[in-house]
């Protein structure tokens, strides 16, 4: 499983770094609520692609 950092999220979503960190925080919170362990500052690529339409 590939984990994406802020730089990767910036490129994929065409957003600024602060926005990329916000997306990562939100997605990690969703994963935490589902009972998954998370890596702070990174998000699984598969989950990011599931949550964003046409990525």
PDB file of N, CA and C in Angstrom:
ATOM      1  N   UNK A   1       0.855  -1.175   0.000  1.00  0.00           N
ATOM      2  CA  UNK A   1       0.000   0.000   0.000  1.00  0.00           C
ATOM      3  C   UNK A   1       0.901   1.239   0.000  1.00  0.00           C
ATOM      4  N   UNK A   2       0.607   2.139  -0.882  1.00  0.00           N
ATOM      5  CA  UNK A   2       1.387   3.363  -0.999  1.00  0.00           C
ATOM      6  C   UNK A   2       0.777   4.450  -0.118  1.00  0.00           C
ATOM      7  N   UNK A   3       1.621   5.060   0.691  1.00  0.00           N
ATOM      8  CA  UNK A   3       1.196   6.154   1.555  1.00  0.00           C
ATOM      9  C   UNK A   3       1.633   7.475   0.911  1.00  0.00           C
ATOM     10  N   UNK A   4       0.725   8.436   0.875  1.00  0.00           N
ATOM     11  CA  UNK A   4       1.001   9.725   0.263  1.00  0.00           C
ATOM     12  C   UNK A   4       1.200  10.787   1.331  1.00  0.00           C
ATOM     13  N   UNK A   5       2.193  11.640   1.115  1.00  0.00           N
ATOM     14  CA  UNK A   5       2.428  12.768   1.990  1.00  0.00           C
ATOM     15  C   UNK A   5       1.810  14.024   1.395  1.00  0.00           C
ATOM     16  N   UNK A   6       2.056  15.143   2.041  1.00  0.00           N
ATOM     17  CA  UNK A   6       1.466  16.412   1.615  1.00  0.00           C
ATOM     18  C   UNK A   6       1.885  16.801   0.195  1.00  0.00           C
ATOM     19  N   UNK A   7       3.137  16.562  -0.148  1.00  0.00           N
ATOM     20  CA  UNK A   7       3.616  16.918  -1.493  1.00  0.00           C
ATOM     21  C   UNK A   7       2.842  16.139  -2.567  1.00  0.00           C
ATOM     22  N   UNK A   8       2.618  14.856  -2.317  1.00  0.00           N
ATOM     23  CA  UNK A   8       1.878  14.017  -3.273  1.00  0.00           C
ATOM     24  C   UNK A   8       0.429  14.488  -3.404  1.00  0.00           C
ATOM     25  N   UNK A   9      -0.192  14.781  -2.265  1.00  0.00           N
ATOM     26  CA  UNK A   9      -1.582  15.236  -2.269  1.00  0.00           C
ATOM     27  C   UNK A   9      -1.693  16.584  -2.978  1.00  0.00           C
ATOM     28  N   UNK A  10      -0.707  17.452  -2.777  1.00  0.00           N
ATOM     29  CA  UNK A  10      -0.684  18.754  -3.460  1.00  0.00           C
ATOM     30  C   UNK A  10      -0.757  18.573  -4.975  1.00  0.00           C
ATOM     31  N   UNK A  11       0.057  17.666  -5.480  1.00  0.00           N
ATOM     32  CA  UNK A  11       0.121  17.438  -6.930  1.00  0.00           C
ATOM     33  C   UNK A  11      -1.182  16.827  -7.441  1.00  0.00           C
ATOM     34  N   UNK A  12      -1.667  15.795  -6.751  1.00  0.00           N
ATOM     35  CA  UNK A  12      -2.876  15.112  -7.217  1.00  0.00           C
ATOM     36  C   UNK A  12      -4.108  16.010  -7.210  1.00  0.00           C
ATOM     37  N   UNK A  13      -4.228  16.856  -6.180  1.00  0.00           N
ATOM     38  CA  UNK A  13      -5.436  17.683  -6.041  1.00  0.00           C
ATOM     39  C   UNK A  13      -5.250  19.115  -6.522  1.00  0.00           C
ATOM     40  N   UNK A  14      -4.036  19.474  -6.890  1.00  0.00           N
ATOM     41  CA  UNK A  14      -3.719  20.852  -7.326  1.00  0.00           C
ATOM     42  C   UNK A  14      -4.124  21.873  -6.269  1.00  0.00           C
ATOM     43  N   UNK A  15      -3.647  21.640  -5.040  1.00  0.00           N
ATOM     44  CA  UNK A  15      -3.928  22.547  -3.936  1.00  0.00           C
ATOM     45  C   UNK A  15      -2.624  22.975  -3.276  1.00  0.00           C
ATOM     46  N   UNK A  16      -2.723  23.970  -2.387  1.00  0.00           N
ATOM     47  CA  UNK A  16      -1.558  24.417  -1.634  1.00  0.00           C
ATOM     48  C   UNK A  16      -1.230  23.413  -0.537  1.00  0.00           C
ATOM     49  N   UNK A  17      -0.029  23.533   0.008  1.00  0.00           N
ATOM     50  CA  UNK A  17       0.430  22.597   1.024  1.00  0.00           C
ATOM     51  C   UNK A  17      -0.466  22.582   2.257  1.00  0.00           C
ATOM     52  N   UNK A  18      -0.915  23.745   2.698  1.00  0.00           N
ATOM     53  CA  UNK A  18      -1.771  23.790   3.889  1.00  0.00           C
ATOM     54  C   UNK A  18      -3.098  23.065   3.638  1.00  0.00           C
ATOM     55  N   UNK A  19      -3.634  23.192   2.443  1.00  0.00           N
ATOM     56  CA  UNK A  19      -4.865  22.482   2.095  1.00  0.00           C
ATOM     57  C   UNK A  19      -4.634  20.977   2.026  1.00  0.00           C
ATOM     58  N   UNK A  20      -3.477  20.586   1.516  1.00  0.00           N
ATOM     59  CA  UNK A  20      -3.142  19.162   1.439  1.00  0.00           C
ATOM     60  C   UNK A  20      -3.080  18.555   2.836  1.00  0.00           C
ATOM     61  N   UNK A  21      -2.477  19.270   3.784  1.00  0.00           N
ATOM     62  CA  UNK A  21      -2.429  18.781   5.165  1.00  0.00           C
ATOM     63  C   UNK A  21      -3.833  18.683   5.753  1.00  0.00           C
ATOM     64  N   UNK A  22      -4.698  19.621   5.420  1.00  0.00           N
ATOM     65  CA  UNK A  22      -6.073  19.573   5.898  1.00  0.00           C
ATOM     66  C   UNK A  22      -6.815  18.350   5.379  1.00  0.00           C
ATOM     67  N   UNK A  23      -6.608  18.032   4.117  1.00  0.00           N
ATOM     68  CA  UNK A  23      -7.230  16.844   3.517  1.00  0.00           C
ATOM     69  C   UNK A  23      -6.716  15.589   4.215  1.00  0.00           C
ATOM     70  N   UNK A  24      -5.414  15.528   4.428  1.00  0.00           N
ATOM     71  CA  UNK A  24      -4.818  14.369   5.095  1.00  0.00           C
ATOM     72  C   UNK A  24      -5.395  14.203   6.496  1.00  0.00           C
ATOM     73  N   UNK A  25      -5.501  15.305   7.232  1.00  0.00           N
ATOM     74  CA  UNK A  25      -6.067  15.241   8.588  1.00  0.00           C
ATOM     75  C   UNK A  25      -7.503  14.722   8.566  1.00  0.00           C
ATOM     76  N   UNK A  26      -8.297  15.234   7.638  1.00  0.00           N
ATOM     77  CA  UNK A  26      -9.701  14.817   7.555  1.00  0.00           C
ATOM     78  C   UNK A  26      -9.825  13.335   7.201  1.00  0.00           C
ATOM     79  N   UNK A  27      -9.075  12.900   6.209  1.00  0.00           N
ATOM     80  CA  UNK A  27      -9.149  11.495   5.801  1.00  0.00           C
ATOM     81  C   UNK A  27      -8.646  10.575   6.908  1.00  0.00           C
ATOM     82  N   UNK A  28      -7.587  10.981   7.599  1.00  0.00           N
ATOM     83  CA  UNK A  28      -7.074  10.169   8.698  1.00  0.00           C
ATOM     84  C   UNK A  28      -8.078  10.085   9.844  1.00  0.00           C
ATOM     85  N   UNK A  29      -8.804  11.160  10.095  1.00  0.00           N
ATOM     86  CA  UNK A  29      -9.829  11.130  11.140  1.00  0.00           C
ATOM     87  C   UNK A  29     -10.937  10.147  10.757  1.00  0.00           C
ATOM     88  N   UNK A  30     -11.327  10.143   9.491  1.00  0.00           N
ATOM     89  CA  UNK A  30     -12.334   9.188   9.019  1.00  0.00           C
ATOM     90  C   UNK A  30     -11.846   7.758   9.218  1.00  0.00           C
ATOM     91  N   UNK A  31     -10.598   7.511   8.877  1.00  0.00           N
ATOM     92  CA  UNK A  31     -10.036   6.171   9.038  1.00  0.00           C
ATOM     93  C   UNK A  31      -9.967   5.783  10.511  1.00  0.00           C
ATOM     94  N   UNK A  32      -9.588   6.729  11.360  1.00  0.00           N
ATOM     95  CA  UNK A  32      -9.503   6.466  12.799  1.00  0.00           C
ATOM     96  C   UNK A  32     -10.885   6.081  13.347  1.00  0.00           C
ATOM     97  N   UNK A  33     -11.927   6.802  12.905  1.00  0.00           N
ATOM     98  CA  UNK A  33     -13.291   6.505  13.356  1.00  0.00           C
ATOM     99  C   UNK A  33     -13.747   5.114  12.913  1.00  0.00           C
ATOM    100  N   UNK A  34     -13.190   4.630  11.812  1.00  0.00           N
ATOM    101  CA  UNK A  34     -13.521   3.289  11.322  1.00  0.00           C
ATOM    102  C   UNK A  34     -12.688   2.218  12.016  1.00  0.00           C
ATOM    103  N   UNK A  35     -11.787   2.645  12.904  1.00  0.00           N
ATOM    104  CA  UNK A  35     -10.998   1.693  13.670  1.00  0.00           C
ATOM    105  C   UNK A  35      -9.617   1.387  13.118  1.00  0.00           C
ATOM    106  N   UNK A  36      -9.197   2.111  12.092  1.00  0.00           N
ATOM    107  CA  UNK A  36      -7.876   1.872  11.524  1.00  0.00           C
ATOM    108  C   UNK A  36      -6.815   2.669  12.269  1.00  0.00           C
ATOM    109  N   UNK A  37      -5.604   2.126  12.291  1.00  0.00           N
ATOM    110  CA  UNK A  37      -4.461   2.882  12.780  1.00  0.00           C
ATOM    111  C   UNK A  37      -3.993   3.774  11.643  1.00  0.00           C
ATOM    112  N   UNK A  38      -3.539   4.958  11.971  1.00  0.00           N
ATOM    113  CA  UNK A  38      -3.122   5.903  10.926  1.00  0.00           C
ATOM    114  C   UNK A  38      -1.671   6.307  11.132  1.00  0.00           C
ATOM    115  N   UNK A  39      -1.071   6.828  10.070  1.00  0.00           N
ATOM    116  CA  UNK A  39       0.271   7.400  10.130  1.00  0.00           C
ATOM    117  C   UNK A  39       0.094   8.893   9.980  1.00  0.00           C
ATOM    118  N   UNK A  40       0.478   9.625  10.996  1.00  0.00           N
ATOM    119  CA  UNK A  40       0.295  11.070  10.983  1.00  0.00           C
ATOM    120  C   UNK A  40       1.058  11.702   9.808  1.00  0.00           C
ATOM    121  N   UNK A  41       0.366  12.563   9.069  1.00  0.00           N
ATOM    122  CA  UNK A  41       0.988  13.260   7.946  1.00  0.00           C
ATOM    123  C   UNK A  41       0.985  12.485   6.639  1.00  0.00           C
ATOM    124  N   UNK A  42       0.403  11.299   6.649  1.00  0.00           N
ATOM    125  CA  UNK A  42       0.326  10.491   5.429  1.00  0.00           C
ATOM    126  C   UNK A  42      -1.061   9.867   5.343  1.00  0.00           C
ATOM    127  N   UNK A  43      -1.455   9.547   4.130  1.00  0.00           N
ATOM    128  CA  UNK A  43      -2.759   8.933   3.906  1.00  0.00           C
ATOM    129  C   UNK A  43      -2.591   7.848   2.836  1.00  0.00           C
ATOM    130  N   UNK A  44      -3.306   6.729   2.977  1.00  0.00           N
ATOM    131  CA  UNK A  44      -3.220   5.689   1.951  1.00  0.00           C
ATOM    132  C   UNK A  44      -3.750   6.208   0.604  1.00  0.00           C
ATOM    133  N   UNK A  45      -2.993   5.973  -0.442  1.00  0.00           N
ATOM    134  CA  UNK A  45      -3.391   6.444  -1.775  1.00  0.00           C
ATOM    135  C   UNK A  45      -4.755   5.881  -2.165  1.00  0.00           C
ATOM    136  N   UNK A  46      -4.993   4.620  -1.870  1.00  0.00           N
ATOM    137  CA  UNK A  46      -6.261   3.985  -2.237  1.00  0.00           C
ATOM    138  C   UNK A  46      -7.447   4.717  -1.609  1.00  0.00           C
ATOM    139  N   UNK A  47      -7.327   5.084  -0.343  1.00  0.00           N
ATOM    140  CA  UNK A  47      -8.437   5.764   0.336  1.00  0.00           C
ATOM    141  C   UNK A  47      -8.636   7.172  -0.223  1.00  0.00           C
ATOM    142  N   UNK A  48      -7.562   7.870  -0.506  1.00  0.00           N
ATOM    143  CA  UNK A  48      -7.663   9.205  -1.108  1.00  0.00           C
ATOM    144  C   UNK A  48      -8.417   9.126  -2.432  1.00  0.00           C
ATOM    145  N   UNK A  49      -8.073   8.148  -3.256  1.00  0.00           N
ATOM    146  CA  UNK A  49      -8.718   7.995  -4.562  1.00  0.00           C
ATOM    147  C   UNK A  49     -10.184   7.574  -4.426  1.00  0.00           C
ATOM    148  N   UNK A  50     -10.510   6.795  -3.384  1.00  0.00           N
ATOM    149  CA  UNK A  50     -11.907   6.424  -3.141  1.00  0.00           C
ATOM    150  C   UNK A  50     -12.762   7.642  -2.784  1.00  0.00           C
ATOM    151  N   UNK A  51     -12.207   8.537  -1.996  1.00  0.00           N
ATOM    152  CA  UNK A  51     -12.960   9.678  -1.467  1.00  0.00           C
ATOM    153  C   UNK A  51     -13.076  10.834  -2.451  1.00  0.00           C
ATOM    154  N   UNK A  52     -12.162  10.929  -3.411  1.00  0.00           N
ATOM    155  CA  UNK A  52     -12.219  12.022  -4.373  1.00  0.00           C
ATOM    156  C   UNK A  52     -12.650  11.492  -5.727  1.00  0.00           C
ATOM    157  N   UNK A  53     -13.706  12.063  -6.239  1.00  0.00           N
ATOM    158  CA  UNK A  53     -14.273  11.665  -7.515  1.00  0.00           C
ATOM    159  C   UNK A  53     -13.276  11.920  -8.652  1.00  0.00           C
ATOM    160  N   UNK A  54     -13.141  10.966  -9.548  1.00  0.00           N
ATOM    161  CA  UNK A  54     -12.371  11.118 -10.785  1.00  0.00           C
ATOM    162  C   UNK A  54     -10.904  11.466 -10.536  1.00  0.00           C
ATOM    163  N   UNK A  55     -10.290  10.776  -9.616  1.00  0.00           N
ATOM    164  CA  UNK A  55      -8.867  11.015  -9.317  1.00  0.00           C
ATOM    165  C   UNK A  55      -8.041   9.871  -9.805  1.00  0.00           C
TER     166      UNK A  55
END
